[in-house]
Amino acid sequence: MFELSPGTGLALPQDAGVLRFGMSERECQWAVATLADVRETWICQAGWAFSACYEGVELVLWGDSMDRLGRADHDRHGFAAVELRRCEPRPTRPSAVAVVLDDIDLFGYPAAEVTAVVGPNPHPGLRLPPVRPPSRYLPVVWLSAV
């Protein structure tokens, strides 16, 4: 299971470690590579970004954010945010791997039930999308260092 820890980061499955906000790209890639193939990607205004797929969930991590002039934003060093996205675009069933926040599997229950318990914005830095039919389950969650 992936465990979201607002303000701290993301615990990876299979005791692969914890990605803590502020970690270097190399440290993050090393931990994620124990679970899945890591692929470089691009995120606007990020100094680095990579993705990996694990049991139907794609992780996209990025860090070392830049200001709008392309200079390093010294208030946000290292790992800054992660997106966990279901590989199926409109999920109609629980995910094979849990994505947990406060002991609630965000990808394991219908979105209406999840948002009824945690609310639409349960923590600063955590975003849940609105769900549109025919999806019944959350397709993505975002966690940032804020």
C-alpha atoms as a PDB file:
ATOM      1  CA  MET A   1       0.000   0.000   0.000  1.00  0.00           C
ATOM      2  CA  PHE A   2       0.976   3.613  -0.547  1.00  0.00           C
ATOM      3  CA  GLU A   3       0.442   5.729   2.551  1.00  0.00           C
ATOM      4  CA  LEU A   4      -0.004   9.479   2.180  1.00  0.00           C
ATOM      5  CA  SER A   5       1.444  11.514   5.043  1.00  0.00           C
ATOM      6  CA  PRO A   6       0.560  15.196   4.593  1.00  0.00           C
ATOM      7  CA  GLY A   7       3.484  17.367   5.619  1.00  0.00           C
ATOM      8  CA  THR A   8       5.892  14.409   5.469  1.00  0.00           C
ATOM      9  CA  GLY A   9       5.599  12.559   2.141  1.00  0.00           C
ATOM     10  CA  LEU A  10       4.685   9.107   0.857  1.00  0.00           C
ATOM     11  CA  ALA A  11       5.368   5.651   2.329  1.00  0.00           C
ATOM     12  CA  LEU A  12       5.963   3.102  -0.418  1.00  0.00           C
ATOM     13  CA  PRO A  13       4.683  -0.492  -0.502  1.00  0.00           C
ATOM     14  CA  GLN A  14       6.787  -3.542   0.365  1.00  0.00           C
ATOM     15  CA  ASP A  15       8.961  -1.658   2.867  1.00  0.00           C
ATOM     16  CA  ALA A  16      10.595   0.230  -0.019  1.00  0.00           C
ATOM     17  CA  GLY A  17      10.941   3.283   2.204  1.00  0.00           C
ATOM     18  CA  VAL A  18       9.413   6.687   2.735  1.00  0.00           C
ATOM     19  CA  LEU A  19       9.737   9.507   0.237  1.00  0.00           C
ATOM     20  CA  ARG A  20      10.118  12.566   2.443  1.00  0.00           C
ATOM     21  CA  PHE A  21       9.564  16.057   1.136  1.00  0.00           C
ATOM     22  CA  GLY A  22      12.925  17.649   0.446  1.00  0.00           C
ATOM     23  CA  MET A  23      14.688  14.395  -0.547  1.00  0.00           C
ATOM     24  CA  SER A  24      16.917  14.534  -3.607  1.00  0.00           C
ATOM     25  CA  GLU A  25      15.855  13.205  -6.984  1.00  0.00           C
ATOM     26  CA  ARG A  26      18.434  10.427  -6.700  1.00  0.00           C
ATOM     27  CA  GLU A  27      17.155   9.300  -3.278  1.00  0.00           C
ATOM     28  CA  CYS A  28      13.560   9.260  -4.550  1.00  0.00           C
ATOM     29  CA  GLN A  29      14.450   7.373  -7.728  1.00  0.00           C
ATOM     30  CA  TRP A  30      16.482   4.823  -5.774  1.00  0.00           C
ATOM     31  CA  ALA A  31      13.547   4.021  -3.469  1.00  0.00           C
ATOM     32  CA  VAL A  32      10.935   3.889  -6.262  1.00  0.00           C
ATOM     33  CA  ALA A  33      13.223   1.754  -8.460  1.00  0.00           C
ATOM     34  CA  THR A  34      12.960  -1.071  -5.912  1.00  0.00           C
ATOM     35  CA  LEU A  35       9.275  -1.350  -6.922  1.00  0.00           C
ATOM     36  CA  ALA A  36       9.084  -0.413 -10.598  1.00  0.00           C
ATOM     37  CA  ASP A  37      10.923   0.935 -13.626  1.00  0.00           C
ATOM     38  CA  VAL A  38      11.593   4.654 -13.290  1.00  0.00           C
ATOM     39  CA  ARG A  39      11.123   6.864 -16.340  1.00  0.00           C
ATOM     40  CA  GLU A  40      12.121  10.497 -16.729  1.00  0.00           C
ATOM     41  CA  THR A  41       9.235  12.852 -17.481  1.00  0.00           C
ATOM     42  CA  TRP A  42       8.578  16.589 -17.620  1.00  0.00           C
ATOM     43  CA  ILE A  43       6.482  18.812 -15.374  1.00  0.00           C
ATOM     44  CA  CYS A  44       6.187  22.531 -16.058  1.00  0.00           C
ATOM     45  CA  GLN A  45       8.104  24.630 -13.483  1.00  0.00           C
ATOM     46  CA  ALA A  46       9.839  21.560 -11.970  1.00  0.00           C
ATOM     47  CA  GLY A  47      13.582  21.063 -11.902  1.00  0.00           C
ATOM     48  CA  TRP A  48      13.159  17.293 -12.215  1.00  0.00           C
ATOM     49  CA  ALA A  49      10.360  14.760 -12.594  1.00  0.00           C
ATOM     50  CA  PHE A  50       9.970  11.029 -13.078  1.00  0.00           C
ATOM     51  CA  SER A  51       7.234   8.423 -13.174  1.00  0.00           C
ATOM     52  CA  ALA A  52       6.772   4.743 -12.412  1.00  0.00           C
ATOM     53  CA  CYS A  53       3.855   2.292 -12.561  1.00  0.00           C
ATOM     54  CA  TYR A  54       3.143  -0.161  -9.757  1.00  0.00           C
ATOM     55  CA  GLU A  55       0.194  -2.582  -9.832  1.00  0.00           C
ATOM     56  CA  GLY A  56      -2.087  -0.266 -11.808  1.00  0.00           C
ATOM     57  CA  VAL A  57      -1.093   2.964 -10.057  1.00  0.00           C
ATOM     58  CA  GLU A  58       1.191   5.466 -11.763  1.00  0.00           C
ATOM     59  CA  LEU A  59       3.339   7.707  -9.581  1.00  0.00           C
ATOM     60  CA  VAL A  60       4.598  10.993 -10.924  1.00  0.00           C
ATOM     61  CA  LEU A  61       7.074  12.730  -8.616  1.00  0.00           C
ATOM     62  CA  TRP A  62       8.736  16.096  -9.036  1.00  0.00           C
ATOM     63  CA  GLY A  63      10.873  18.570  -7.189  1.00  0.00           C
ATOM     64  CA  ASP A  64      13.277  21.494  -7.192  1.00  0.00           C
ATOM     65  CA  SER A  65      10.579  23.855  -8.383  1.00  0.00           C
ATOM     66  CA  MET A  66      11.449  26.935 -10.415  1.00  0.00           C
ATOM     67  CA  ASP A  67      10.001  30.409 -10.229  1.00  0.00           C
ATOM     68  CA  ARG A  68       8.296  31.842 -13.291  1.00  0.00           C
ATOM     69  CA  LEU A  69      11.620  33.193 -14.614  1.00  0.00           C
ATOM     70  CA  GLY A  70      13.217  29.736 -14.494  1.00  0.00           C
ATOM     71  CA  ARG A  71      15.312  30.342 -11.372  1.00  0.00           C
ATOM     72  CA  ALA A  72      15.448  27.802  -8.574  1.00  0.00           C
ATOM     73  CA  ASP A  73      12.861  28.461  -5.874  1.00  0.00           C
ATOM     74  CA  HIS A  74      15.048  28.153  -2.786  1.00  0.00           C
ATOM     75  CA  ASP A  75      12.037  27.665  -0.522  1.00  0.00           C
ATOM     76  CA  ARG A  76      11.217  24.339  -2.226  1.00  0.00           C
ATOM     77  CA  HIS A  77      14.305  22.144  -2.488  1.00  0.00           C
ATOM     78  CA  GLY A  78      14.136  18.468  -3.355  1.00  0.00           C
ATOM     79  CA  PHE A  79      11.017  16.324  -3.574  1.00  0.00           C
ATOM     80  CA  ALA A  80       8.027  18.692  -3.672  1.00  0.00           C
ATOM     81  CA  ALA A  81       4.962  16.753  -4.868  1.00  0.00           C
ATOM     82  CA  VAL A  82       3.552  13.439  -6.042  1.00  0.00           C
ATOM     83  CA  GLU A  83       0.562  12.473  -8.138  1.00  0.00           C
ATOM     84  CA  LEU A  84      -0.857   8.957  -7.773  1.00  0.00           C
ATOM     85  CA  ARG A  85      -3.042   8.116 -10.756  1.00  0.00           C
ATOM     86  CA  ARG A  86      -5.048   5.021 -11.554  1.00  0.00           C
ATOM     87  CA  CYS A  87      -3.925   3.564 -14.885  1.00  0.00           C
ATOM     88  CA  GLU A  88      -7.526   3.029 -15.938  1.00  0.00           C
ATOM     89  CA  PRO A  89      -8.940   6.432 -16.968  1.00  0.00           C
ATOM     90  CA  ARG A  90     -12.446   6.007 -15.508  1.00  0.00           C
ATOM     91  CA  PRO A  91     -12.161   3.473 -12.670  1.00  0.00           C
ATOM     92  CA  THR A  92     -15.277   1.473 -11.873  1.00  0.00           C
ATOM     93  CA  ARG A  93     -13.776  -0.851  -9.248  1.00  0.00           C
ATOM     94  CA  PRO A  94     -11.284  -0.716  -6.349  1.00  0.00           C
ATOM     95  CA  SER A  95      -7.579  -0.448  -7.119  1.00  0.00           C
ATOM     96  CA  ALA A  96      -5.353  -3.515  -6.787  1.00  0.00           C
ATOM     97  CA  VAL A  97      -3.058  -1.528  -4.495  1.00  0.00           C
ATOM     98  CA  ALA A  98      -4.301   0.647  -1.645  1.00  0.00           C
ATOM     99  CA  VAL A  99      -3.615   4.395  -1.475  1.00  0.00           C
ATOM    100  CA  VAL A 100      -4.221   5.210   2.176  1.00  0.00           C
ATOM    101  CA  LEU A 101      -4.834   8.439   4.073  1.00  0.00           C
ATOM    102  CA  ASP A 102      -5.616   8.234   7.791  1.00  0.00           C
ATOM    103  CA  ASP A 103      -6.418   4.493   7.491  1.00  0.00           C
ATOM    104  CA  ILE A 104      -8.863   5.085   4.608  1.00  0.00           C
ATOM    105  CA  ASP A 105      -8.137   3.498   1.218  1.00  0.00           C
ATOM    106  CA  LEU A 106      -8.840   6.385  -1.171  1.00  0.00           C
ATOM    107  CA  PHE A 107      -8.793   4.075  -4.216  1.00  0.00           C
ATOM    108  CA  GLY A 108     -10.613   1.194  -2.502  1.00  0.00           C
ATOM    109  CA  TYR A 109     -14.052   2.689  -1.919  1.00  0.00           C
ATOM    110  CA  PRO A 110     -16.472   4.649  -4.109  1.00  0.00           C
ATOM    111  CA  ALA A 111     -15.511   8.314  -4.282  1.00  0.00           C
ATOM    112  CA  ALA A 112     -18.773   9.481  -2.710  1.00  0.00           C
ATOM    113  CA  GLU A 113     -18.043   7.365   0.385  1.00  0.00           C
ATOM    114  CA  VAL A 114     -14.439   8.573   0.574  1.00  0.00           C
ATOM    115  CA  THR A 115     -15.304  12.264   0.329  1.00  0.00           C
ATOM    116  CA  ALA A 116     -18.168  11.827   2.820  1.00  0.00           C
ATOM    117  CA  VAL A 117     -15.618  10.608   5.380  1.00  0.00           C
ATOM    118  CA  VAL A 118     -12.519  12.723   4.614  1.00  0.00           C
ATOM    119  CA  GLY A 119     -14.139  15.744   2.938  1.00  0.00           C
ATOM    120  CA  PRO A 120     -13.104  17.329  -0.366  1.00  0.00           C
ATOM    121  CA  ASN A 121      -9.930  18.959   1.086  1.00  0.00           C
ATOM    122  CA  PRO A 122      -8.904  16.869   4.105  1.00  0.00           C
ATOM    123  CA  HIS A 123      -5.346  18.291   4.550  1.00  0.00           C
ATOM    124  CA  PRO A 124      -3.301  21.212   3.231  1.00  0.00           C
ATOM    125  CA  GLY A 125      -1.245  19.961   0.320  1.00  0.00           C
ATOM    126  CA  LEU A 126      -3.657  17.120  -0.518  1.00  0.00           C
ATOM    127  CA  ARG A 127      -6.072  17.419  -3.422  1.00  0.00           C
ATOM    128  CA  LEU A 128      -8.866  15.073  -4.433  1.00  0.00           C
ATOM    129  CA  PRO A 129     -10.564  15.597  -7.794  1.00  0.00           C
ATOM    130  CA  PRO A 130     -14.283  15.741  -8.456  1.00  0.00           C
ATOM    131  CA  VAL A 131     -15.486  12.408  -9.843  1.00  0.00           C
ATOM    132  CA  ARG A 132     -17.494  12.322 -13.038  1.00  0.00           C
ATOM    133  CA  PRO A 133     -19.679   9.411 -14.186  1.00  0.00           C
ATOM    134  CA  PRO A 134     -19.179   6.673 -15.244  1.00  0.00           C
ATOM    135  CA  SER A 135     -16.290   6.676 -12.720  1.00  0.00           C
ATOM    136  CA  ARG A 136     -17.273   5.621  -9.252  1.00  0.00           C
ATOM    137  CA  TYR A 137     -13.790   5.673  -7.745  1.00  0.00           C
ATOM    138  CA  LEU A 138     -11.169   8.396  -7.419  1.00  0.00           C
ATOM    139  CA  PRO A 139      -8.878   8.332 -10.464  1.00  0.00           C
ATOM    140  CA  VAL A 140      -6.082  10.442  -8.942  1.00  0.00           C
ATOM    141  CA  VAL A 141      -4.815  12.154  -5.783  1.00  0.00           C
ATOM    142  CA  TRP A 142      -2.137  14.824  -5.393  1.00  0.00           C
ATOM    143  CA  LEU A 143       0.089  15.438  -2.389  1.00  0.00           C
ATOM    144  CA  SER A 144       2.497  18.358  -2.131  1.00  0.00           C
ATOM    145  CA  ALA A 145       4.792  19.810   0.482  1.00  0.00           C
ATOM    146  CA  VAL A 146       2.602  22.960   0.396  1.00  0.00           C
END
